[in-house]
């Protein structure tokens, strides 16, 4: 059965995204994963399609690396997982009842963290 290009595009993007999120350090990792997937199907795919699939895989790898990099500078990754006192800005409306809510710490990091209101 001949593979359809429309089926291979998301697979190529997924292979690139996986390698980007799995912290493989070079675009060569993307090329190796995609080449391994396509090796069995090379006779059924034309050369321009292979170039397109490698490009899509590289875009997926870039997306994964950007997501991983943004996660590393986020508050959830930088703040310790323990009880602490911080100045915060609410990310959602607070209700008078105790519970959890999302806040933005004013501690030099980006993103939201979950806080307990009021503190126990």
PDB file of N, CA and C in Angstrom:
ATOM      1  N   UNK A   1       0.829  -1.166   0.000  1.00  0.00           N
ATOM      2  CA  UNK A   1       0.000   0.000   0.000  1.00  0.00           C
ATOM      3  C   UNK A   1       0.879   1.237   0.000  1.00  0.00           C
ATOM      4  N   UNK A   2       0.594   2.168  -0.863  1.00  0.00           N
ATOM      5  CA  UNK A   2       1.383   3.385  -0.994  1.00  0.00           C
ATOM      6  C   UNK A   2       0.933   4.410   0.064  1.00  0.00           C
ATOM      7  N   UNK A   3       1.875   4.938   0.870  1.00  0.00           N
ATOM      8  CA  UNK A   3       1.474   5.911   1.887  1.00  0.00           C
ATOM      9  C   UNK A   3       1.065   7.236   1.252  1.00  0.00           C
ATOM     10  N   UNK A   4       0.064   7.870   1.816  1.00  0.00           N
ATOM     11  CA  UNK A   4      -0.380   9.172   1.326  1.00  0.00           C
ATOM     12  C   UNK A   4       0.403  10.250   2.059  1.00  0.00           C
ATOM     13  N   UNK A   5       0.768  11.275   1.339  1.00  0.00           N
ATOM     14  CA  UNK A   5       1.520  12.378   1.917  1.00  0.00           C
ATOM     15  C   UNK A   5       0.738  13.042   3.057  1.00  0.00           C
ATOM     16  N   UNK A   6      -0.570  13.109   2.914  1.00  0.00           N
ATOM     17  CA  UNK A   6      -1.382  13.735   3.957  1.00  0.00           C
ATOM     18  C   UNK A   6      -1.342  12.955   5.265  1.00  0.00           C
ATOM     19  N   UNK A   7      -1.053  11.673   5.188  1.00  0.00           N
ATOM     20  CA  UNK A   7      -0.914  10.870   6.402  1.00  0.00           C
ATOM     21  C   UNK A   7       0.483  10.998   6.982  1.00  0.00           C
ATOM     22  N   UNK A   8       1.466  11.234   6.152  1.00  0.00           N
ATOM     23  CA  UNK A   8       2.844  11.304   6.618  1.00  0.00           C
ATOM     24  C   UNK A   8       3.199  12.661   7.216  1.00  0.00           C
ATOM     25  N   UNK A   9       2.515  13.734   6.822  1.00  0.00           N
ATOM     26  CA  UNK A   9       2.832  15.067   7.346  1.00  0.00           C
ATOM     27  C   UNK A   9       2.676  15.146   8.866  1.00  0.00           C
ATOM     28  N   UNK A  10       1.534  14.709   9.427  1.00  0.00           N
ATOM     29  CA  UNK A  10       1.449  14.773  10.892  1.00  0.00           C
ATOM     30  C   UNK A  10       2.439  13.844  11.583  1.00  0.00           C
ATOM     31  N   UNK A  11       2.774  12.726  10.958  1.00  0.00           N
ATOM     32  CA  UNK A  11       3.767  11.831  11.550  1.00  0.00           C
ATOM     33  C   UNK A  11       5.141  12.488  11.583  1.00  0.00           C
ATOM     34  N   UNK A  12       5.483  13.188  10.518  1.00  0.00           N
ATOM     35  CA  UNK A  12       6.773  13.884  10.471  1.00  0.00           C
ATOM     36  C   UNK A  12       6.810  14.996  11.514  1.00  0.00           C
ATOM     37  N   UNK A  13       5.715  15.767  11.627  1.00  0.00           N
ATOM     38  CA  UNK A  13       5.667  16.832  12.633  1.00  0.00           C
ATOM     39  C   UNK A  13       5.755  16.232  14.039  1.00  0.00           C
ATOM     40  N   UNK A  14       5.041  15.149  14.267  1.00  0.00           N
ATOM     41  CA  UNK A  14       5.078  14.489  15.567  1.00  0.00           C
ATOM     42  C   UNK A  14       6.456  13.951  15.901  1.00  0.00           C
ATOM     43  N   UNK A  15       7.149  13.401  14.919  1.00  0.00           N
ATOM     44  CA  UNK A  15       8.512  12.907  15.157  1.00  0.00           C
ATOM     45  C   UNK A  15       9.432  14.059  15.526  1.00  0.00           C
ATOM     46  N   UNK A  16       9.285  15.183  14.843  1.00  0.00           N
ATOM     47  CA  UNK A  16      10.096  16.352  15.180  1.00  0.00           C
ATOM     48  C   UNK A  16       9.758  16.899  16.549  1.00  0.00           C
ATOM     49  N   UNK A  17       8.466  16.986  16.849  1.00  0.00           N
ATOM     50  CA  UNK A  17       8.027  17.488  18.148  1.00  0.00           C
ATOM     51  C   UNK A  17       8.531  16.587  19.268  1.00  0.00           C
ATOM     52  N   UNK A  18       8.455  15.295  19.070  1.00  0.00           N
ATOM     53  CA  UNK A  18       8.940  14.345  20.070  1.00  0.00           C
ATOM     54  C   UNK A  18      10.419  14.534  20.337  1.00  0.00           C
ATOM     55  N   UNK A  19      11.213  14.669  19.303  1.00  0.00           N
ATOM     56  CA  UNK A  19      12.646  14.844  19.518  1.00  0.00           C
ATOM     57  C   UNK A  19      12.945  16.186  20.162  1.00  0.00           C
ATOM     58  N   UNK A  20      12.164  17.216  19.855  1.00  0.00           N
ATOM     59  CA  UNK A  20      12.372  18.516  20.494  1.00  0.00           C
ATOM     60  C   UNK A  20      12.024  18.491  21.969  1.00  0.00           C
ATOM     61  N   UNK A  21      10.947  17.819  22.324  1.00  0.00           N
ATOM     62  CA  UNK A  21      10.535  17.735  23.725  1.00  0.00           C
ATOM     63  C   UNK A  21      11.370  16.739  24.514  1.00  0.00           C
ATOM     64  N   UNK A  22      11.954  15.773  23.835  1.00  0.00           N
ATOM     65  CA  UNK A  22      12.765  14.759  24.510  1.00  0.00           C
ATOM     66  C   UNK A  22      14.200  15.228  24.711  1.00  0.00           C
ATOM     67  N   UNK A  23      14.498  16.462  24.364  1.00  0.00           N
ATOM     68  CA  UNK A  23      15.787  17.104  24.615  1.00  0.00           C
ATOM     69  C   UNK A  23      16.940  16.516  23.818  1.00  0.00           C
ATOM     70  N   UNK A  24      16.673  15.967  22.636  1.00  0.00           N
ATOM     71  CA  UNK A  24      17.773  15.616  21.756  1.00  0.00           C
ATOM     72  C   UNK A  24      18.378  16.928  21.291  1.00  0.00           C
ATOM     73  N   UNK A  25      19.684  17.039  21.331  1.00  0.00           N
ATOM     74  CA  UNK A  25      20.316  18.339  21.184  1.00  0.00           C
ATOM     75  C   UNK A  25      20.485  18.881  19.790  1.00  0.00           C
ATOM     76  N   UNK A  26      20.210  18.157  18.752  1.00  0.00           N
ATOM     77  CA  UNK A  26      20.522  18.685  17.431  1.00  0.00           C
ATOM     78  C   UNK A  26      19.428  18.339  16.434  1.00  0.00           C
ATOM     79  N   UNK A  27      19.274  19.177  15.403  1.00  0.00           N
ATOM     80  CA  UNK A  27      18.317  18.849  14.352  1.00  0.00           C
ATOM     81  C   UNK A  27      18.645  17.526  13.657  1.00  0.00           C
ATOM     82  N   UNK A  28      19.879  17.073  13.809  1.00  0.00           N
ATOM     83  CA  UNK A  28      20.237  15.781  13.227  1.00  0.00           C
ATOM     84  C   UNK A  28      19.390  14.668  13.839  1.00  0.00           C
ATOM     85  N   UNK A  29      18.978  14.847  15.098  1.00  0.00           N
ATOM     86  CA  UNK A  29      18.103  13.860  15.739  1.00  0.00           C
ATOM     87  C   UNK A  29      16.776  13.751  15.016  1.00  0.00           C
ATOM     88  N   UNK A  30      16.246  14.889  14.582  1.00  0.00           N
ATOM     89  CA  UNK A  30      14.998  14.895  13.816  1.00  0.00           C
ATOM     90  C   UNK A  30      15.201  14.163  12.510  1.00  0.00           C
ATOM     91  N   UNK A  31      16.266  14.482  11.829  1.00  0.00           N
ATOM     92  CA  UNK A  31      16.538  13.850  10.538  1.00  0.00           C
ATOM     93  C   UNK A  31      16.674  12.337  10.689  1.00  0.00           C
ATOM     94  N   UNK A  32      17.320  11.891  11.759  1.00  0.00           N
ATOM     95  CA  UNK A  32      17.488  10.451  11.962  1.00  0.00           C
ATOM     96  C   UNK A  32      16.152   9.764  12.219  1.00  0.00           C
ATOM     97  N   UNK A  33      15.302  10.375  13.045  1.00  0.00           N
ATOM     98  CA  UNK A  33      14.006   9.765  13.342  1.00  0.00           C
ATOM     99  C   UNK A  33      13.149   9.700  12.090  1.00  0.00           C
ATOM    100  N   UNK A  34      13.072  10.811  11.358  1.00  0.00           N
ATOM    101  CA  UNK A  34      12.249  10.842  10.153  1.00  0.00           C
ATOM    102  C   UNK A  34      12.815   9.909   9.093  1.00  0.00           C
ATOM    103  N   UNK A  35      14.132   9.886   8.942  1.00  0.00           N
ATOM    104  CA  UNK A  35      14.740   8.993   7.959  1.00  0.00           C
ATOM    105  C   UNK A  35      14.459   7.536   8.294  1.00  0.00           C
ATOM    106  N   UNK A  36      14.488   7.200   9.578  1.00  0.00           N
ATOM    107  CA  UNK A  36      14.199   5.820   9.971  1.00  0.00           C
ATOM    108  C   UNK A  36      12.768   5.444   9.643  1.00  0.00           C
ATOM    109  N   UNK A  37      11.831   6.390   9.861  1.00  0.00           N
ATOM    110  CA  UNK A  37      10.427   6.121   9.561  1.00  0.00           C
ATOM    111  C   UNK A  37      10.213   5.974   8.065  1.00  0.00           C
ATOM    112  N   UNK A  38      10.897   6.802   7.286  1.00  0.00           N
ATOM    113  CA  UNK A  38      10.660   6.827   5.845  1.00  0.00           C
ATOM    114  C   UNK A  38      11.475   5.807   5.052  1.00  0.00           C
ATOM    115  N   UNK A  39      12.475   5.210   5.653  1.00  0.00           N
ATOM    116  CA  UNK A  39      13.360   4.313   4.922  1.00  0.00           C
ATOM    117  C   UNK A  39      12.592   3.189   4.230  1.00  0.00           C
ATOM    118  N   UNK A  40      11.633   2.625   4.899  1.00  0.00           N
ATOM    119  CA  UNK A  40      10.870   1.518   4.321  1.00  0.00           C
ATOM    120  C   UNK A  40       9.949   1.990   3.200  1.00  0.00           C
ATOM    121  N   UNK A  41       9.640   3.270   3.143  1.00  0.00           N
ATOM    122  CA  UNK A  41       8.678   3.786   2.183  1.00  0.00           C
ATOM    123  C   UNK A  41       9.319   4.640   1.090  1.00  0.00           C
ATOM    124  N   UNK A  42      10.644   4.682   1.003  1.00  0.00           N
ATOM    125  CA  UNK A  42      11.318   5.590   0.072  1.00  0.00           C
ATOM    126  C   UNK A  42      10.915   5.381  -1.384  1.00  0.00           C
ATOM    127  N   UNK A  43      10.701   4.165  -1.775  1.00  0.00           N
ATOM    128  CA  UNK A  43      10.372   3.909  -3.175  1.00  0.00           C
ATOM    129  C   UNK A  43       9.001   4.463  -3.544  1.00  0.00           C
ATOM    130  N   UNK A  44       8.137   4.664  -2.565  1.00  0.00           N
ATOM    131  CA  UNK A  44       6.788   5.138  -2.846  1.00  0.00           C
ATOM    132  C   UNK A  44       6.659   6.659  -2.738  1.00  0.00           C
ATOM    133  N   UNK A  45       7.697   7.337  -2.258  1.00  0.00           N
ATOM    134  CA  UNK A  45       7.621   8.787  -2.050  1.00  0.00           C
ATOM    135  C   UNK A  45       8.626   9.472  -2.964  1.00  0.00           C
ATOM    136  N   UNK A  46       8.196  10.551  -3.577  1.00  0.00           N
ATOM    137  CA  UNK A  46       9.086  11.310  -4.454  1.00  0.00           C
ATOM    138  C   UNK A  46      10.012  12.207  -3.644  1.00  0.00           C
ATOM    139  N   UNK A  47      11.139  12.619  -4.236  1.00  0.00           N
ATOM    140  CA  UNK A  47      12.152  13.431  -3.549  1.00  0.00           C
ATOM    141  C   UNK A  47      11.598  14.750  -3.004  1.00  0.00           C
ATOM    142  N   UNK A  48      10.774  15.515  -3.737  1.00  0.00           N
ATOM    143  CA  UNK A  48      10.241  16.759  -3.149  1.00  0.00           C
ATOM    144  C   UNK A  48       9.393  16.497  -1.905  1.00  0.00           C
ATOM    145  N   UNK A  49       8.696  15.392  -1.883  1.00  0.00           N
ATOM    146  CA  UNK A  49       7.884  15.059  -0.713  1.00  0.00           C
ATOM    147  C   UNK A  49       8.765  14.743   0.486  1.00  0.00           C
ATOM    148  N   UNK A  50       9.892  14.094   0.255  1.00  0.00           N
ATOM    149  CA  UNK A  50      10.822  13.804   1.350  1.00  0.00           C
ATOM    150  C   UNK A  50      11.367  15.107   1.920  1.00  0.00           C
ATOM    151  N   UNK A  51      11.703  16.040   1.053  1.00  0.00           N
ATOM    152  CA  UNK A  51      12.186  17.344   1.519  1.00  0.00           C
ATOM    153  C   UNK A  51      11.116  18.044   2.353  1.00  0.00           C
ATOM    154  N   UNK A  52       9.877  17.980   1.912  1.00  0.00           N
ATOM    155  CA  UNK A  52       8.785  18.599   2.655  1.00  0.00           C
ATOM    156  C   UNK A  52       8.618  17.934   4.019  1.00  0.00           C
ATOM    157  N   UNK A  53       8.688  16.618   4.049  1.00  0.00           N
ATOM    158  CA  UNK A  53       8.547  15.908   5.322  1.00  0.00           C
ATOM    159  C   UNK A  53       9.691  16.245   6.277  1.00  0.00           C
ATOM    160  N   UNK A  54      10.901  16.366   5.763  1.00  0.00           N
ATOM    161  CA  UNK A  54      12.022  16.755   6.622  1.00  0.00           C
ATOM    162  C   UNK A  54      11.855  18.180   7.131  1.00  0.00           C
ATOM    163  N   UNK A  55      11.329  19.061   6.299  1.00  0.00           N
ATOM    164  CA  UNK A  55      11.071  20.435   6.728  1.00  0.00           C
ATOM    165  C   UNK A  55      10.007  20.464   7.818  1.00  0.00           C
ATOM    166  N   UNK A  56       8.934  19.706   7.635  1.00  0.00           N
ATOM    167  CA  UNK A  56       7.874  19.643   8.644  1.00  0.00           C
ATOM    168  C   UNK A  56       8.421  19.070   9.951  1.00  0.00           C
ATOM    169  N   UNK A  57       9.280  18.065   9.866  1.00  0.00           N
ATOM    170  CA  UNK A  57       9.891  17.495  11.068  1.00  0.00           C
ATOM    171  C   UNK A  57      10.765  18.531  11.769  1.00  0.00           C
ATOM    172  N   UNK A  58      11.494  19.324  11.005  1.00  0.00           N
ATOM    173  CA  UNK A  58      12.331  20.374  11.599  1.00  0.00           C
ATOM    174  C   UNK A  58      11.466  21.429  12.290  1.00  0.00           C
ATOM    175  N   UNK A  59      10.327  21.767  11.702  1.00  0.00           N
ATOM    176  CA  UNK A  59       9.404  22.710  12.335  1.00  0.00           C
ATOM    177  C   UNK A  59       8.870  22.119  13.640  1.00  0.00           C
ATOM    178  N   UNK A  60       8.554  20.843  13.636  1.00  0.00           N
ATOM    179  CA  UNK A  60       8.108  20.174  14.852  1.00  0.00           C
ATOM    180  C   UNK A  60       9.182  20.187  15.924  1.00  0.00           C
ATOM    181  N   UNK A  61      10.434  19.951  15.527  1.00  0.00           N
ATOM    182  CA  UNK A  61      11.546  19.982  16.470  1.00  0.00           C
ATOM    183  C   UNK A  61      11.687  21.380  17.065  1.00  0.00           C
ATOM    184  N   UNK A  62      11.596  22.402  16.224  1.00  0.00           N
ATOM    185  CA  UNK A  62      11.682  23.776  16.717  1.00  0.00           C
ATOM    186  C   UNK A  62      10.564  24.107  17.682  1.00  0.00           C
ATOM    187  N   UNK A  63       9.367  23.636  17.393  1.00  0.00           N
ATOM    188  CA  UNK A  63       8.234  23.853  18.296  1.00  0.00           C
ATOM    189  C   UNK A  63       8.479  23.194  19.649  1.00  0.00           C
ATOM    190  N   UNK A  64       9.000  21.992  19.628  1.00  0.00           N
ATOM    191  CA  UNK A  64       9.289  21.283  20.869  1.00  0.00           C
ATOM    192  C   UNK A  64      10.370  21.971  21.681  1.00  0.00           C
ATOM    193  N   UNK A  65      11.420  22.444  21.032  1.00  0.00           N
ATOM    194  CA  UNK A  65      12.496  23.141  21.735  1.00  0.00           C
ATOM    195  C   UNK A  65      12.003  24.450  22.339  1.00  0.00           C
ATOM    196  N   UNK A  66      11.157  25.172  21.610  1.00  0.00           N
ATOM    197  CA  UNK A  66      10.619  26.428  22.137  1.00  0.00           C
ATOM    198  C   UNK A  66       9.732  26.157  23.349  1.00  0.00           C
ATOM    199  N   UNK A  67       8.899  25.138  23.282  1.00  0.00           N
ATOM    200  CA  UNK A  67       8.023  24.804  24.408  1.00  0.00           C
ATOM    201  C   UNK A  67       8.852  24.392  25.622  1.00  0.00           C
ATOM    202  N   UNK A  68       9.884  23.603  25.412  1.00  0.00           N
ATOM    203  CA  UNK A  68      10.737  23.164  26.507  1.00  0.00           C
ATOM    204  C   UNK A  68      11.463  24.363  27.128  1.00  0.00           C
ATOM    205  N   UNK A  69      11.955  25.267  26.299  1.00  0.00           N
ATOM    206  CA  UNK A  69      12.656  26.444  26.804  1.00  0.00           C
ATOM    207  C   UNK A  69      11.755  27.356  27.607  1.00  0.00           C
ATOM    208  N   UNK A  70      10.532  27.560  27.140  1.00  0.00           N
ATOM    209  CA  UNK A  70       9.589  28.402  27.877  1.00  0.00           C
ATOM    210  C   UNK A  70       9.218  27.769  29.215  1.00  0.00           C
ATOM    211  N   UNK A  71       9.127  26.462  29.245  1.00  0.00           N
ATOM    212  CA  UNK A  71       8.788  25.769  30.490  1.00  0.00           C
ATOM    213  C   UNK A  71       9.884  25.945  31.537  1.00  0.00           C
ATOM    214  N   UNK A  72      11.125  26.003  31.106  1.00  0.00           N
ATOM    215  CA  UNK A  72      12.247  26.111  32.039  1.00  0.00           C
ATOM    216  C   UNK A  72      12.306  27.466  32.739  1.00  0.00           C
ATOM    217  N   UNK A  73      11.751  28.519  32.144  1.00  0.00           N
ATOM    218  CA  UNK A  73      11.786  29.830  32.788  1.00  0.00           C
ATOM    219  C   UNK A  73      10.495  30.123  33.531  1.00  0.00           C
ATOM    220  N   UNK A  74       9.574  29.190  33.527  1.00  0.00           N
ATOM    221  CA  UNK A  74       8.295  29.386  34.199  1.00  0.00           C
ATOM    222  C   UNK A  74       8.404  29.246  35.710  1.00  0.00           C
ATOM    223  N   UNK A  75       7.468  29.876  36.407  1.00  0.00           N
ATOM    224  CA  UNK A  75       7.452  29.822  37.876  1.00  0.00           C
ATOM    225  C   UNK A  75       7.302  28.398  38.399  1.00  0.00           C
ATOM    226  N   UNK A  76       6.515  27.597  37.735  1.00  0.00           N
ATOM    227  CA  UNK A  76       6.295  26.225  38.202  1.00  0.00           C
ATOM    228  C   UNK A  76       7.606  25.435  38.230  1.00  0.00           C
ATOM    229  N   UNK A  77       8.536  25.734  37.336  1.00  0.00           N
ATOM    230  CA  UNK A  77       9.813  25.028  37.299  1.00  0.00           C
ATOM    231  C   UNK A  77      10.835  25.654  38.245  1.00  0.00           C
ATOM    232  N   UNK A  78      10.723  26.937  38.525  1.00  0.00           N
ATOM    233  CA  UNK A  78      11.743  27.639  39.301  1.00  0.00           C
ATOM    234  C   UNK A  78      11.447  27.723  40.794  1.00  0.00           C
ATOM    235  N   UNK A  79      10.192  27.753  41.163  1.00  0.00           N
ATOM    236  CA  UNK A  79       9.858  27.886  42.584  1.00  0.00           C
ATOM    237  C   UNK A  79       9.852  26.511  43.254  1.00  0.00           C
ATOM    238  N   UNK A  80      10.304  26.431  44.502  1.00  0.00           N
ATOM    239  CA  UNK A  80      10.295  25.127  45.190  1.00  0.00           C
ATOM    240  C   UNK A  80       8.869  24.696  45.516  1.00  0.00           C
ATOM    241  N   UNK A  81       8.660  23.403  45.563  1.00  0.00           N
ATOM    242  CA  UNK A  81       7.337  22.844  45.857  1.00  0.00           C
ATOM    243  C   UNK A  81       7.183  22.699  47.367  1.00  0.00           C
ATOM    244  N   UNK A  82       7.029  23.825  48.038  1.00  0.00           N
ATOM    245  CA  UNK A  82       6.846  23.823  49.487  1.00  0.00           C
ATOM    246  C   UNK A  82       6.055  25.064  49.866  1.00  0.00           C
ATOM    247  N   UNK A  83       5.692  25.132  51.125  1.00  0.00           N
ATOM    248  CA  UNK A  83       4.955  26.291  51.611  1.00  0.00           C
ATOM    249  C   UNK A  83       5.887  27.500  51.650  1.00  0.00           C
ATOM    250  N   UNK A  84       5.413  28.610  51.104  1.00  0.00           N
ATOM    251  CA  UNK A  84       6.210  29.828  51.100  1.00  0.00           C
ATOM    252  C   UNK A  84       5.293  31.039  51.021  1.00  0.00           C
ATOM    253  N   UNK A  85       5.830  32.187  51.352  1.00  0.00           N
ATOM    254  CA  UNK A  85       5.081  33.428  51.285  1.00  0.00           C
ATOM    255  C   UNK A  85       5.610  34.244  50.124  1.00  0.00           C
ATOM    256  N   UNK A  86       4.714  34.657  49.249  1.00  0.00           N
ATOM    257  CA  UNK A  86       5.086  35.438  48.058  1.00  0.00           C
ATOM    258  C   UNK A  86       4.092  36.554  47.847  1.00  0.00           C
ATOM    259  N   UNK A  87       4.528  37.582  47.183  1.00  0.00           N
ATOM    260  CA  UNK A  87       3.596  38.589  46.682  1.00  0.00           C
ATOM    261  C   UNK A  87       3.116  38.084  45.330  1.00  0.00           C
ATOM    262  N   UNK A  88       1.814  38.091  45.122  1.00  0.00           N
ATOM    263  CA  UNK A  88       1.235  37.544  43.895  1.00  0.00           C
ATOM    264  C   UNK A  88       0.160  38.475  43.354  1.00  0.00           C
ATOM    265  N   UNK A  89      -0.173  38.251  42.110  1.00  0.00           N
ATOM    266  CA  UNK A  89      -1.305  38.898  41.459  1.00  0.00           C
ATOM    267  C   UNK A  89      -2.251  37.778  41.056  1.00  0.00           C
ATOM    268  N   UNK A  90      -3.522  37.961  41.322  1.00  0.00           N
ATOM    269  CA  UNK A  90      -4.500  36.920  40.994  1.00  0.00           C
ATOM    270  C   UNK A  90      -4.615  36.734  39.485  1.00  0.00           C
ATOM    271  N   UNK A  91      -4.693  35.496  39.070  1.00  0.00           N
ATOM    272  CA  UNK A  91      -4.888  35.176  37.655  1.00  0.00           C
ATOM    273  C   UNK A  91      -6.348  34.873  37.361  1.00  0.00           C
ATOM    274  N   UNK A  92      -7.138  34.723  38.418  1.00  0.00           N
ATOM    275  CA  UNK A  92      -8.560  34.429  38.282  1.00  0.00           C
ATOM    276  C   UNK A  92      -9.290  35.049  39.468  1.00  0.00           C
ATOM    277  N   UNK A  93     -10.562  35.262  39.343  1.00  0.00           N
ATOM    278  CA  UNK A  93     -11.305  35.836  40.474  1.00  0.00           C
ATOM    279  C   UNK A  93     -11.278  34.901  41.683  1.00  0.00           C
ATOM    280  N   UNK A  94     -11.094  35.484  42.850  1.00  0.00           N
ATOM    281  CA  UNK A  94     -11.084  34.702  44.089  1.00  0.00           C
ATOM    282  C   UNK A  94     -12.465  34.733  44.727  1.00  0.00           C
ATOM    283  N   UNK A  95     -12.841  33.647  45.324  1.00  0.00           N
ATOM    284  CA  UNK A  95     -14.114  33.556  46.037  1.00  0.00           C
ATOM    285  C   UNK A  95     -13.815  33.540  47.536  1.00  0.00           C
ATOM    286  N   UNK A  96     -14.773  33.911  48.365  1.00  0.00           N
ATOM    287  CA  UNK A  96     -14.511  33.954  49.811  1.00  0.00           C
ATOM    288  C   UNK A  96     -14.232  32.592  50.438  1.00  0.00           C
ATOM    289  N   UNK A  97     -14.728  31.516  49.827  1.00  0.00           N
ATOM    290  CA  UNK A  97     -14.522  30.184  50.383  1.00  0.00           C
ATOM    291  C   UNK A  97     -13.065  29.740  50.186  1.00  0.00           C
ATOM    292  N   UNK A  98     -12.536  28.934  51.107  1.00  0.00           N
ATOM    293  CA  UNK A  98     -11.174  28.419  50.943  1.00  0.00           C
ATOM    294  C   UNK A  98     -11.078  27.517  49.717  1.00  0.00           C
ATOM    295  N   UNK A  99      -9.924  27.484  49.111  1.00  0.00           N
ATOM    296  CA  UNK A  99      -9.701  26.613  47.964  1.00  0.00           C
ATOM    297  C   UNK A  99      -8.419  26.963  47.242  1.00  0.00           C
ATOM    298  N   UNK A 100      -8.273  26.385  46.079  1.00  0.00           N
ATOM    299  CA  UNK A 100      -7.090  26.635  45.248  1.00  0.00           C
ATOM    300  C   UNK A 100      -7.428  27.652  44.174  1.00  0.00           C
ATOM    301  N   UNK A 101      -6.423  28.447  43.805  1.00  0.00           N
ATOM    302  CA  UNK A 101      -6.603  29.382  42.711  1.00  0.00           C
ATOM    303  C   UNK A 101      -5.262  29.618  42.033  1.00  0.00           C
ATOM    304  N   UNK A 102      -5.324  30.092  40.814  1.00  0.00           N
ATOM    305  CA  UNK A 102      -4.123  30.365  40.034  1.00  0.00           C
ATOM    306  C   UNK A 102      -3.671  31.795  40.282  1.00  0.00           C
ATOM    307  N   UNK A 103      -2.358  31.969  40.511  1.00  0.00           N
ATOM    308  CA  UNK A 103      -1.785  33.283  40.771  1.00  0.00           C
ATOM    309  C   UNK A 103      -0.525  33.466  39.931  1.00  0.00           C
ATOM    310  N   UNK A 104      -0.150  34.725  39.713  1.00  0.00           N
ATOM    311  CA  UNK A 104       1.111  35.091  39.060  1.00  0.00           C
ATOM    312  C   UNK A 104       2.051  35.609  40.138  1.00  0.00           C
ATOM    313  N   UNK A 105       3.108  34.881  40.506  1.00  0.00           N
ATOM    314  CA  UNK A 105       4.063  35.399  41.484  1.00  0.00           C
ATOM    315  C   UNK A 105       4.794  36.623  40.925  1.00  0.00           C
ATOM    316  N   UNK A 106       5.060  37.570  41.778  1.00  0.00           N
ATOM    317  CA  UNK A 106       5.817  38.761  41.395  1.00  0.00           C
ATOM    318  C   UNK A 106       7.277  38.561  41.785  1.00  0.00           C
ATOM    319  N   UNK A 107       7.810  37.360  41.532  1.00  0.00           N
ATOM    320  CA  UNK A 107       9.135  36.975  41.997  1.00  0.00           C
ATOM    321  C   UNK A 107      10.152  36.845  40.865  1.00  0.00           C
ATOM    322  N   UNK A 108       9.914  37.473  39.744  1.00  0.00           N
ATOM    323  CA  UNK A 108      10.888  37.418  38.662  1.00  0.00           C
ATOM    324  C   UNK A 108      10.816  36.182  37.793  1.00  0.00           C
ATOM    325  N   UNK A 109       9.684  35.521  37.757  1.00  0.00           N
ATOM    326  CA  UNK A 109       9.512  34.380  36.864  1.00  0.00           C
ATOM    327  C   UNK A 109       8.206  34.562  36.105  1.00  0.00           C
ATOM    328  N   UNK A 110       7.998  33.744  35.105  1.00  0.00           N
ATOM    329  CA  UNK A 110       6.819  33.855  34.253  1.00  0.00           C
ATOM    330  C   UNK A 110       5.871  32.694  34.501  1.00  0.00           C
ATOM    331  N   UNK A 111       4.604  32.966  34.264  1.00  0.00           N
ATOM    332  CA  UNK A 111       3.627  31.893  34.333  1.00  0.00           C
ATOM    333  C   UNK A 111       2.831  31.917  35.615  1.00  0.00           C
ATOM    334  N   UNK A 112       1.940  30.961  35.706  1.00  0.00           N
ATOM    335  CA  UNK A 112       1.040  30.848  36.843  1.00  0.00           C
ATOM    336  C   UNK A 112       1.430  29.650  37.697  1.00  0.00           C
ATOM    337  N   UNK A 113       1.082  29.745  38.969  1.00  0.00           N
ATOM    338  CA  UNK A 113       1.220  28.618  39.881  1.00  0.00           C
ATOM    339  C   UNK A 113      -0.083  28.487  40.661  1.00  0.00           C
ATOM    340  N   UNK A 114      -0.301  27.338  41.240  1.00  0.00           N
ATOM    341  CA  UNK A 114      -1.491  27.110  42.043  1.00  0.00           C
ATOM    342  C   UNK A 114      -1.188  27.474  43.487  1.00  0.00           C
ATOM    343  N   UNK A 115      -2.088  28.226  44.094  1.00  0.00           N
ATOM    344  CA  UNK A 115      -1.940  28.615  45.499  1.00  0.00           C
ATOM    345  C   UNK A 115      -3.196  28.213  46.273  1.00  0.00           C
ATOM    346  N   UNK A 116      -3.041  28.091  47.557  1.00  0.00           N
ATOM    347  CA  UNK A 116      -4.165  27.756  48.423  1.00  0.00           C
ATOM    348  C   UNK A 116      -4.618  29.040  49.108  1.00  0.00           C
ATOM    349  N   UNK A 117      -5.924  29.281  49.097  1.00  0.00           N
ATOM    350  CA  UNK A 117      -6.464  30.487  49.721  1.00  0.00           C
ATOM    351  C   UNK A 117      -7.565  30.110  50.685  1.00  0.00           C
ATOM    352  N   UNK A 118      -7.600  30.583  51.851  1.00  0.00           N
ATOM    353  CA  UNK A 118      -6.471  31.222  52.550  1.00  0.00           C
ATOM    354  C   UNK A 118      -5.461  30.172  52.971  1.00  0.00           C
ATOM    355  N   UNK A 119      -4.250  30.620  53.286  1.00  0.00           N
ATOM    356  CA  UNK A 119      -3.192  29.681  53.689  1.00  0.00           C
ATOM    357  C   UNK A 119      -3.591  29.005  54.997  1.00  0.00           C
ATOM    358  N   UNK A 120      -3.267  27.754  55.135  1.00  0.00           N
ATOM    359  CA  UNK A 120      -3.607  27.002  56.356  1.00  0.00           C
ATOM    360  C   UNK A 120      -2.558  27.198  57.411  1.00  0.00           C
TER     361      UNK A 120
END
